[in-house]
């Protein structure tokens, strides 16, 4: 399992400061959950988010819509599966100096 850290820039990002607490929680989950890769692309279902976060499905749908409207994530729907992409994933990850 990968160790994920969130850059403190996350809390200063103009779009994030306007999020609801639920949107922030969901975005933190997207940045740190074990289904993410370093590019910020996820293949996961709403049911899995619901089970992991313990959040109502309707609230997850609202969070997805809110985050899509801020362009902090996009959803690619394919016939067999859907993907979520977080374009700023690398910016919001903390980079350790060597």
Protein backbone atom coordinates (compact mmCIF):
# COMPACT_ATOMS: atom_id res chain seq x y z
CA UNK A 1 0.00 0.00 0.00
CA UNK A 2 1.34 3.44 -0.94
CA UNK A 3 1.94 6.14 1.61
CA UNK A 4 -0.03 9.24 0.58
CA UNK A 5 0.59 12.71 1.98
CA UNK A 6 -1.37 15.83 1.17
CA UNK A 7 0.45 19.07 0.43
CA UNK A 8 -0.52 21.93 2.75
CA UNK A 9 -1.27 23.87 -0.45
CA UNK A 10 -4.52 21.88 -0.51
CA UNK A 11 -5.95 24.05 2.29
CA UNK A 12 -4.92 27.29 0.54
CA UNK A 13 -6.20 26.43 -2.92
CA UNK A 14 -8.88 29.00 -3.82
CA UNK A 15 -11.32 26.34 -5.01
CA UNK A 16 -10.88 24.21 -1.89
CA UNK A 17 -11.52 27.12 0.48
CA UNK A 18 -14.99 27.44 -1.08
CA UNK A 19 -15.82 23.73 -0.65
CA UNK A 20 -18.38 22.41 1.78
CA UNK A 21 -16.90 20.20 4.53
CA UNK A 22 -18.27 17.15 2.68
CA UNK A 23 -16.54 18.21 -0.55
CA UNK A 24 -13.21 18.64 1.31
CA UNK A 25 -13.59 15.23 2.95
CA UNK A 26 -14.36 13.58 -0.39
CA UNK A 27 -11.44 15.35 -2.11
CA UNK A 28 -9.06 14.24 0.67
CA UNK A 29 -10.34 10.72 0.20
CA UNK A 30 -9.63 10.95 -3.55
CA UNK A 31 -6.08 12.12 -2.85
CA UNK A 32 -5.25 9.48 -0.26
CA UNK A 33 -7.31 6.34 -0.84
CA UNK A 34 -5.63 3.07 -1.88
CA UNK A 35 -7.46 3.02 -5.23
CA UNK A 36 -5.59 6.07 -6.50
CA UNK A 37 -2.49 6.03 -8.62
CA UNK A 38 0.18 8.71 -8.89
CA UNK A 39 -1.56 10.24 -11.90
CA UNK A 40 -4.80 10.72 -10.00
CA UNK A 41 -6.87 8.24 -12.02
CA UNK A 42 -9.34 5.99 -10.24
CA UNK A 43 -11.47 3.09 -11.25
CA UNK A 44 -13.97 2.78 -8.43
CA UNK A 45 -17.73 2.72 -8.03
CA UNK A 46 -19.96 5.00 -5.99
CA UNK A 47 -20.93 1.93 -3.95
CA UNK A 48 -17.28 1.47 -2.95
CA UNK A 49 -17.01 5.16 -1.95
CA UNK A 50 -20.25 4.81 0.00
CA UNK A 51 -19.01 1.72 1.82
CA UNK A 52 -15.56 3.16 2.58
CA UNK A 53 -16.64 6.65 3.65
CA UNK A 54 -19.96 5.74 5.25
CA UNK A 55 -21.57 8.62 3.37
CA UNK A 56 -25.00 8.64 1.74
CA UNK A 57 -24.98 7.88 -1.98
CA UNK A 58 -26.90 11.07 -2.76
CA UNK A 59 -24.29 13.12 -0.88
CA UNK A 60 -21.49 11.45 -2.88
CA UNK A 61 -23.31 12.29 -6.10
CA UNK A 62 -23.58 15.93 -4.99
CA UNK A 63 -19.87 16.02 -4.08
CA UNK A 64 -18.92 14.58 -7.47
CA UNK A 65 -21.06 17.20 -9.20
CA UNK A 66 -19.56 20.02 -7.06
CA UNK A 67 -15.99 18.90 -7.78
CA UNK A 68 -16.68 18.51 -11.50
CA UNK A 69 -18.00 22.07 -11.56
CA UNK A 70 -14.74 23.35 -10.07
CA UNK A 71 -12.75 21.32 -12.63
CA UNK A 72 -10.82 19.56 -9.85
CA UNK A 73 -11.96 16.25 -11.23
CA UNK A 74 -13.40 14.78 -14.38
CA UNK A 75 -15.31 11.60 -15.01
CA UNK A 76 -14.69 9.44 -18.06
CA UNK A 77 -17.57 7.05 -18.66
CA UNK A 78 -16.84 3.97 -20.72
CA UNK A 79 -19.19 1.09 -21.60
CA UNK A 80 -17.59 -1.37 -19.16
CA UNK A 81 -16.32 1.01 -16.45
CA UNK A 82 -15.96 4.61 -15.41
CA UNK A 83 -12.87 6.49 -14.32
CA UNK A 84 -12.39 9.56 -12.15
CA UNK A 85 -9.41 11.78 -12.88
CA UNK A 86 -8.03 14.43 -10.52
CA UNK A 87 -5.89 16.69 -12.78
CA UNK A 88 -4.18 18.47 -9.86
CA UNK A 89 -3.38 15.21 -8.06
CA UNK A 90 0.41 15.65 -8.22
CA UNK A 91 0.21 19.31 -7.14
CA UNK A 92 -1.80 18.40 -4.07
CA UNK A 93 0.51 15.54 -3.06
CA UNK A 94 3.35 16.38 -0.70
CA UNK A 95 6.75 15.88 -2.27
CA UNK A 96 9.51 14.84 0.11
CA UNK A 97 12.87 16.52 -0.38
CA UNK A 98 15.82 14.14 -0.53
